[in-house]
Amino acid sequence: MSLSFEMNAEIRTDLGKGASRRLRREGKIPAVIYGGGEDPVSLTLDHDTLLHNLEHDAFYSHILVITIDGKTQQAVLRDLQRHPFKPLISHVDFQRVNPDDKIHVHVPLHFAGEDVAPGVKTQGGMVMHEMTEADMTCLARNLPEYIEIDVSAMNAGDTLHMSDIPLPEGVQFSELMKGEGHDQAIVTIYAKKGSEDEEAEGGEEAVSED
């Protein structure tokens, strides 16, 4: 089932480091929303609500609904600052979007079929995720929650690149739009370590026996 994320925010007029520290002590977090042909607006969010939303991968690549003093706006998450060692959020940036805006957003990659891939199941290989998210370009209304990467047919030594991945209509890998030389690897099944050496040794033994 598709997730939806709605948050309430208040306009923040008390700015500066001191004001931000006071907000955090009260369980609030400073934020800003910008873009969409409007001026940037400083906001205040509930910290625990945001932290709970961040537990979902989809939150990072979703059109969010933010109600600011009764006015609803759509936005995407653009930047997130965390405390260096505590499980706390320091600041958040949102960008306003309209359904027909062309945007680029980092979208999670979900991998399927690893347990049945011949390269793993019968050839003893190991799956290596070369990336776990990718920058996608699309209209805001077409933004996918994630991209599924099917590895079920891969053999040991195989690699899937961006150009190998079927995408929803209207969605593109931003990197591929840059032209030749940008077809990045997404997932590889590496052959079991030592298998090539063992085969080579076996061949040498066979030659010496002759």
C-alpha atoms as a PDB file:
ATOM      1  CA  MET A   1       0.000   0.000   0.000  1.00  0.00           C
ATOM      2  CA  SER A   2       1.283   3.440  -0.914  1.00  0.00           C
ATOM      3  CA  LEU A   3       2.337   5.543   2.047  1.00  0.00           C
ATOM      4  CA  SER A   4       1.404   9.174   2.551  1.00  0.00           C
ATOM      5  CA  PHE A   5       3.163  11.654   4.783  1.00  0.00           C
ATOM      6  CA  GLU A   6       1.459  14.673   6.294  1.00  0.00           C
ATOM      7  CA  MET A   7       3.035  17.049   8.786  1.00  0.00           C
ATOM      8  CA  ASN A   8       1.992  20.201  10.569  1.00  0.00           C
ATOM      9  CA  ALA A   9       4.370  23.139  10.774  1.00  0.00           C
ATOM     10  CA  GLU A  10       4.352  26.626  12.213  1.00  0.00           C
ATOM     11  CA  ILE A  11       5.981  29.733  10.787  1.00  0.00           C
ATOM     12  CA  ARG A  12       9.103  30.578  12.770  1.00  0.00           C
ATOM     13  CA  THR A  13       9.872  34.236  13.378  1.00  0.00           C
ATOM     14  CA  ASP A  14      12.384  33.834  16.219  1.00  0.00           C
ATOM     15  CA  LEU A  15      15.585  33.103  14.274  1.00  0.00           C
ATOM     16  CA  GLY A  16      19.229  32.567  15.191  1.00  0.00           C
ATOM     17  CA  LYS A  17      21.277  29.881  16.950  1.00  0.00           C
ATOM     18  CA  GLY A  18      19.910  30.711  20.379  1.00  0.00           C
ATOM     19  CA  ALA A  19      16.326  30.394  19.183  1.00  0.00           C
ATOM     20  CA  SER A  20      17.125  27.085  17.469  1.00  0.00           C
ATOM     21  CA  ARG A  21      18.615  25.693  20.674  1.00  0.00           C
ATOM     22  CA  ARG A  22      15.487  26.678  22.600  1.00  0.00           C
ATOM     23  CA  LEU A  23      13.308  24.945  20.015  1.00  0.00           C
ATOM     24  CA  ARG A  24      15.292  21.723  20.297  1.00  0.00           C
ATOM     25  CA  ARG A  25      14.978  21.757  24.085  1.00  0.00           C
ATOM     26  CA  GLU A  26      11.201  21.951  23.586  1.00  0.00           C
ATOM     27  CA  GLY A  27      11.166  18.941  21.258  1.00  0.00           C
ATOM     28  CA  LYS A  28      10.872  21.089  18.156  1.00  0.00           C
ATOM     29  CA  ILE A  29      13.125  21.381  15.119  1.00  0.00           C
ATOM     30  CA  PRO A  30      13.950  24.346  12.856  1.00  0.00           C
ATOM     31  CA  ALA A  31      13.261  23.909   9.142  1.00  0.00           C
ATOM     32  CA  VAL A  32      12.878  25.905   5.946  1.00  0.00           C
ATOM     33  CA  ILE A  33      10.699  25.527   2.855  1.00  0.00           C
ATOM     34  CA  TYR A  34      11.611  27.218  -0.424  1.00  0.00           C
ATOM     35  CA  GLY A  35      11.034  27.122  -4.179  1.00  0.00           C
ATOM     36  CA  GLY A  36       7.843  27.044  -6.192  1.00  0.00           C
ATOM     37  CA  GLY A  37       8.141  30.718  -7.091  1.00  0.00           C
ATOM     38  CA  GLU A  38       7.589  31.768  -3.472  1.00  0.00           C
ATOM     39  CA  ASP A  39       9.889  33.216  -0.833  1.00  0.00           C
ATOM     40  CA  PRO A  40      11.615  30.879   1.611  1.00  0.00           C
ATOM     41  CA  VAL A  41       9.789  30.467   4.911  1.00  0.00           C
ATOM     42  CA  SER A  42      11.358  29.409   8.217  1.00  0.00           C
ATOM     43  CA  LEU A  43       9.370  26.704   9.982  1.00  0.00           C
ATOM     44  CA  THR A  44       9.069  24.786  13.221  1.00  0.00           C
ATOM     45  CA  LEU A  45       8.298  21.041  13.219  1.00  0.00           C
ATOM     46  CA  ASP A  46       7.700  18.448  15.912  1.00  0.00           C
ATOM     47  CA  HIS A  47      10.956  16.499  16.242  1.00  0.00           C
ATOM     48  CA  ASP A  48       9.503  13.099  17.167  1.00  0.00           C
ATOM     49  CA  THR A  49       6.968  13.175  14.335  1.00  0.00           C
ATOM     50  CA  LEU A  50       9.722  13.872  11.831  1.00  0.00           C
ATOM     51  CA  LEU A  51      11.976  11.193  13.329  1.00  0.00           C
ATOM     52  CA  HIS A  52       9.169   8.642  13.054  1.00  0.00           C
ATOM     53  CA  ASN A  53       8.606   9.540   9.398  1.00  0.00           C
ATOM     54  CA  LEU A  54      12.311   9.166   8.663  1.00  0.00           C
ATOM     55  CA  GLU A  55      12.067   5.476   9.612  1.00  0.00           C
ATOM     56  CA  HIS A  56      10.351   4.922   6.237  1.00  0.00           C
ATOM     57  CA  ASP A  57      12.558   4.830   3.140  1.00  0.00           C
ATOM     58  CA  ALA A  58       9.677   6.292   1.133  1.00  0.00           C
ATOM     59  CA  PHE A  59       9.825   9.545   3.108  1.00  0.00           C
ATOM     60  CA  TYR A  60      13.070  10.474   1.348  1.00  0.00           C
ATOM     61  CA  SER A  61      11.539  10.095  -2.130  1.00  0.00           C
ATOM     62  CA  HIS A  62       7.928  11.067  -1.562  1.00  0.00           C
ATOM     63  CA  ILE A  63       5.743  14.086  -2.194  1.00  0.00           C
ATOM     64  CA  LEU A  64       5.124  15.324   1.339  1.00  0.00           C
ATOM     65  CA  VAL A  65       2.083  17.274   2.465  1.00  0.00           C
ATOM     66  CA  ILE A  66       3.014  20.072   4.872  1.00  0.00           C
ATOM     67  CA  THR A  67       0.313  22.177   6.506  1.00  0.00           C
ATOM     68  CA  ILE A  68       1.690  25.564   7.514  1.00  0.00           C
ATOM     69  CA  ASP A  69      -0.647  27.621   9.687  1.00  0.00           C
ATOM     70  CA  GLY A  70      -3.635  26.050   7.936  1.00  0.00           C
ATOM     71  CA  LYS A  71      -2.249  26.283   4.381  1.00  0.00           C
ATOM     72  CA  THR A  72      -1.334  22.962   2.721  1.00  0.00           C
ATOM     73  CA  GLN A  73       1.734  22.737   0.490  1.00  0.00           C
ATOM     74  CA  GLN A  74       3.424  19.861  -1.322  1.00  0.00           C
ATOM     75  CA  ALA A  75       7.168  19.453  -0.984  1.00  0.00           C
ATOM     76  CA  VAL A  76      10.092  17.050  -1.173  1.00  0.00           C
ATOM     77  CA  LEU A  77      12.874  16.589   1.347  1.00  0.00           C
ATOM     78  CA  ARG A  78      16.022  18.316   0.129  1.00  0.00           C
ATOM     79  CA  ASP A  79      18.459  18.343   3.037  1.00  0.00           C
ATOM     80  CA  LEU A  80      18.667  16.793   6.473  1.00  0.00           C
ATOM     81  CA  GLN A  81      21.163  17.689   9.185  1.00  0.00           C
ATOM     82  CA  ARG A  82      21.670  15.241  12.049  1.00  0.00           C
ATOM     83  CA  HIS A  83      23.411  15.579  15.403  1.00  0.00           C
ATOM     84  CA  PRO A  84      26.946  14.136  15.076  1.00  0.00           C
ATOM     85  CA  PHE A  85      26.361  11.333  17.610  1.00  0.00           C
ATOM     86  CA  LYS A  86      22.878  11.621  19.133  1.00  0.00           C
ATOM     87  CA  PRO A  87      19.691  10.318  17.418  1.00  0.00           C
ATOM     88  CA  LEU A  88      18.526  13.893  16.852  1.00  0.00           C
ATOM     89  CA  ILE A  89      17.693  15.981  13.793  1.00  0.00           C
ATOM     90  CA  SER A  90      19.204  19.475  13.735  1.00  0.00           C
ATOM     91  CA  HIS A  91      17.593  21.062  10.678  1.00  0.00           C
ATOM     92  CA  VAL A  92      15.514  20.157   7.613  1.00  0.00           C
ATOM     93  CA  ASP A  93      15.139  21.745   4.171  1.00  0.00           C
ATOM     94  CA  PHE A  94      12.044  21.210   2.006  1.00  0.00           C
ATOM     95  CA  GLN A  95      11.444  22.247  -1.596  1.00  0.00           C
ATOM     96  CA  ARG A  96       7.929  23.124  -2.749  1.00  0.00           C
ATOM     97  CA  VAL A  97       6.727  21.182  -5.790  1.00  0.00           C
ATOM     98  CA  ASN A  98       3.716  21.117  -8.083  1.00  0.00           C
ATOM     99  CA  PRO A  99       2.564  17.867  -9.746  1.00  0.00           C
ATOM    100  CA  ASP A 100       3.856  19.001 -13.161  1.00  0.00           C
ATOM    101  CA  ASP A 101       7.253  20.227 -11.935  1.00  0.00           C
ATOM    102  CA  LYS A 102      10.250  18.289 -13.269  1.00  0.00           C
ATOM    103  CA  ILE A 103      12.339  17.305 -10.259  1.00  0.00           C
ATOM    104  CA  HIS A 104      15.304  15.110  -9.443  1.00  0.00           C
ATOM    105  CA  VAL A 105      15.232  13.146  -6.203  1.00  0.00           C
ATOM    106  CA  HIS A 106      17.277  10.308  -4.724  1.00  0.00           C
ATOM    107  CA  VAL A 107      15.058   7.216  -4.798  1.00  0.00           C
ATOM    108  CA  PRO A 108      15.783   3.989  -2.838  1.00  0.00           C
ATOM    109  CA  LEU A 109      16.663   0.840  -4.784  1.00  0.00           C
ATOM    110  CA  HIS A 110      15.017  -2.387  -3.583  1.00  0.00           C
ATOM    111  CA  PHE A 111      16.601  -5.659  -4.669  1.00  0.00           C
ATOM    112  CA  ALA A 112      14.510  -8.760  -5.378  1.00  0.00           C
ATOM    113  CA  GLY A 113      15.340 -12.370  -6.279  1.00  0.00           C
ATOM    114  CA  GLU A 114      18.741 -12.604  -4.615  1.00  0.00           C
ATOM    115  CA  ASP A 115      17.914 -15.971  -3.012  1.00  0.00           C
ATOM    116  CA  VAL A 116      17.016 -17.609  -6.345  1.00  0.00           C
ATOM    117  CA  ALA A 117      19.644 -16.026  -8.604  1.00  0.00           C
ATOM    118  CA  PRO A 118      21.767 -18.822 -10.179  1.00  0.00           C
ATOM    119  CA  GLY A 119      24.911 -16.875  -9.351  1.00  0.00           C
ATOM    120  CA  VAL A 120      24.071 -17.219  -5.657  1.00  0.00           C
ATOM    121  CA  LYS A 121      21.971 -20.378  -5.388  1.00  0.00           C
ATOM    122  CA  THR A 122      24.054 -22.750  -7.509  1.00  0.00           C
ATOM    123  CA  GLN A 123      27.312 -20.914  -8.198  1.00  0.00           C
ATOM    124  CA  GLY A 124      28.142 -19.719  -4.693  1.00  0.00           C
ATOM    125  CA  GLY A 125      28.536 -16.076  -5.691  1.00  0.00           C
ATOM    126  CA  MET A 126      27.976 -13.023  -3.513  1.00  0.00           C
ATOM    127  CA  VAL A 127      25.652 -10.128  -4.326  1.00  0.00           C
ATOM    128  CA  MET A 128      27.224  -6.688  -4.079  1.00  0.00           C
ATOM    129  CA  HIS A 129      24.993  -3.604  -4.190  1.00  0.00           C
ATOM    130  CA  GLU A 130      27.070  -0.983  -5.970  1.00  0.00           C
ATOM    131  CA  MET A 131      24.451   1.609  -4.933  1.00  0.00           C
ATOM    132  CA  THR A 132      21.348   1.570  -2.727  1.00  0.00           C
ATOM    133  CA  GLU A 133      19.732   4.743  -4.096  1.00  0.00           C
ATOM    134  CA  ALA A 134      19.875   6.667  -7.340  1.00  0.00           C
ATOM    135  CA  ASP A 135      19.063  10.180  -8.470  1.00  0.00           C
ATOM    136  CA  MET A 136      15.934  10.036 -10.642  1.00  0.00           C
ATOM    137  CA  THR A 137      14.439  12.741 -12.882  1.00  0.00           C
ATOM    138  CA  CYS A 138      10.685  12.858 -13.460  1.00  0.00           C
ATOM    139  CA  LEU A 139       7.576  14.952 -13.023  1.00  0.00           C
ATOM    140  CA  ALA A 140       6.648  15.276  -9.356  1.00  0.00           C
ATOM    141  CA  ARG A 141       3.416  13.349  -9.906  1.00  0.00           C
ATOM    142  CA  ASN A 142       5.399  10.400 -11.334  1.00  0.00           C
ATOM    143  CA  LEU A 143       7.894  10.165  -8.480  1.00  0.00           C
ATOM    144  CA  PRO A 144       8.241   6.473  -7.471  1.00  0.00           C
ATOM    145  CA  GLU A 145       8.626   5.426  -3.832  1.00  0.00           C
ATOM    146  CA  TYR A 146      11.411   3.041  -4.886  1.00  0.00           C
ATOM    147  CA  ILE A 147      12.875   1.263  -7.912  1.00  0.00           C
ATOM    148  CA  GLU A 148      12.851  -2.534  -7.826  1.00  0.00           C
ATOM    149  CA  ILE A 149      15.951  -4.281  -9.158  1.00  0.00           C
ATOM    150  CA  ASP A 150      15.290  -7.903 -10.160  1.00  0.00           C
ATOM    151  CA  VAL A 151      18.485  -9.990  -9.874  1.00  0.00           C
ATOM    152  CA  SER A 152      16.794 -13.414 -10.112  1.00  0.00           C
ATOM    153  CA  ALA A 153      18.342 -14.233 -13.521  1.00  0.00           C
ATOM    154  CA  MET A 154      21.900 -13.131 -12.729  1.00  0.00           C
ATOM    155  CA  ASN A 155      24.885 -15.478 -12.839  1.00  0.00           C
ATOM    156  CA  ALA A 156      28.208 -15.143 -11.065  1.00  0.00           C
ATOM    157  CA  GLY A 157      30.195 -12.414 -12.778  1.00  0.00           C
ATOM    158  CA  ASP A 158      27.100 -10.598 -14.067  1.00  0.00           C
ATOM    159  CA  THR A 159      26.544  -6.872 -13.514  1.00  0.00           C
ATOM    160  CA  LEU A 160      23.382  -4.851 -14.003  1.00  0.00           C
ATOM    161  CA  HIS A 161      23.892  -1.247 -15.096  1.00  0.00           C
ATOM    162  CA  MET A 162      21.424   1.632 -15.081  1.00  0.00           C
ATOM    163  CA  SER A 163      20.562   1.026 -18.737  1.00  0.00           C
ATOM    164  CA  ASP A 164      19.496  -2.551 -17.883  1.00  0.00           C
ATOM    165  CA  ILE A 165      16.802  -1.467 -15.423  1.00  0.00           C
ATOM    166  CA  PRO A 166      13.181  -1.030 -16.577  1.00  0.00           C
ATOM    167  CA  LEU A 167      11.716   2.144 -15.105  1.00  0.00           C
ATOM    168  CA  PRO A 168       8.164   3.475 -14.688  1.00  0.00           C
ATOM    169  CA  GLU A 169       6.930   5.655 -17.526  1.00  0.00           C
ATOM    170  CA  GLY A 170       8.312   9.172 -17.382  1.00  0.00           C
ATOM    171  CA  VAL A 171      11.110   8.285 -14.938  1.00  0.00           C
ATOM    172  CA  GLN A 172      14.803   8.435 -15.876  1.00  0.00           C
ATOM    173  CA  PHE A 173      18.152   7.920 -14.195  1.00  0.00           C
ATOM    174  CA  SER A 174      19.587  11.436 -13.956  1.00  0.00           C
ATOM    175  CA  GLU A 175      23.091  10.078 -14.522  1.00  0.00           C
ATOM    176  CA  LEU A 176      22.153   8.495 -17.871  1.00  0.00           C
ATOM    177  CA  MET A 177      20.881  11.856 -19.096  1.00  0.00           C
ATOM    178  CA  LYS A 178      24.492  13.101 -19.039  1.00  0.00           C
ATOM    179  CA  GLY A 179      25.401  10.924 -22.029  1.00  0.00           C
ATOM    180  CA  GLU A 180      27.980   8.239 -22.757  1.00  0.00           C
ATOM    181  CA  GLY A 181      30.231   7.076 -19.957  1.00  0.00           C
ATOM    182  CA  HIS A 182      27.588   7.525 -17.241  1.00  0.00           C
ATOM    183  CA  ASP A 183      25.974   4.079 -17.309  1.00  0.00           C
ATOM    184  CA  GLN A 184      26.847   3.203 -13.720  1.00  0.00           C
ATOM    185  CA  ALA A 185      26.829  -0.305 -12.247  1.00  0.00           C
ATOM    186  CA  ILE A 186      24.012  -0.989  -9.791  1.00  0.00           C
ATOM    187  CA  VAL A 187      24.502  -4.591  -8.673  1.00  0.00           C
ATOM    188  CA  THR A 188      27.089  -7.320  -9.310  1.00  0.00           C
ATOM    189  CA  ILE A 189      27.255 -10.987  -8.385  1.00  0.00           C
ATOM    190  CA  TYR A 190      30.885 -11.699  -7.628  1.00  0.00           C
ATOM    191  CA  ALA A 191      32.204 -15.220  -8.106  1.00  0.00           C
ATOM    192  CA  LYS A 192      33.121 -17.117  -4.967  1.00  0.00           C
ATOM    193  CA  LYS A 193      36.597 -16.170  -3.793  1.00  0.00           C
ATOM    194  CA  GLY A 194      39.221 -18.723  -4.690  1.00  0.00           C
ATOM    195  CA  SER A 195      37.126 -20.465  -7.339  1.00  0.00           C
ATOM    196  CA  GLU A 196      39.202 -19.099 -10.216  1.00  0.00           C
ATOM    197  CA  ASP A 197      42.443 -19.835  -8.399  1.00  0.00           C
ATOM    198  CA  GLU A 198      41.291 -23.373  -7.645  1.00  0.00           C
ATOM    199  CA  GLU A 199      40.374 -23.934 -11.305  1.00  0.00           C
ATOM    200  CA  ALA A 200      43.751 -22.581 -12.399  1.00  0.00           C
ATOM    201  CA  GLU A 201      45.565 -24.822  -9.924  1.00  0.00           C
ATOM    202  CA  GLY A 202      43.537 -27.799 -11.114  1.00  0.00           C
ATOM    203  CA  GLY A 203      44.539 -27.042 -14.699  1.00  0.00           C
ATOM    204  CA  GLU A 204      48.200 -26.768 -13.778  1.00  0.00           C
ATOM    205  CA  GLU A 205      48.059 -30.117 -11.988  1.00  0.00           C
ATOM    206  CA  ALA A 206      46.453 -31.714 -15.011  1.00  0.00           C
ATOM    207  CA  VAL A 207      49.223 -30.352 -17.248  1.00  0.00           C
ATOM    208  CA  SER A 208      51.990 -31.548 -14.911  1.00  0.00           C
ATOM    209  CA  GLU A 209      50.477 -35.040 -14.754  1.00  0.00           C
ATOM    210  CA  ASP A 210      50.630 -35.249 -18.547  1.00  0.00           C
END
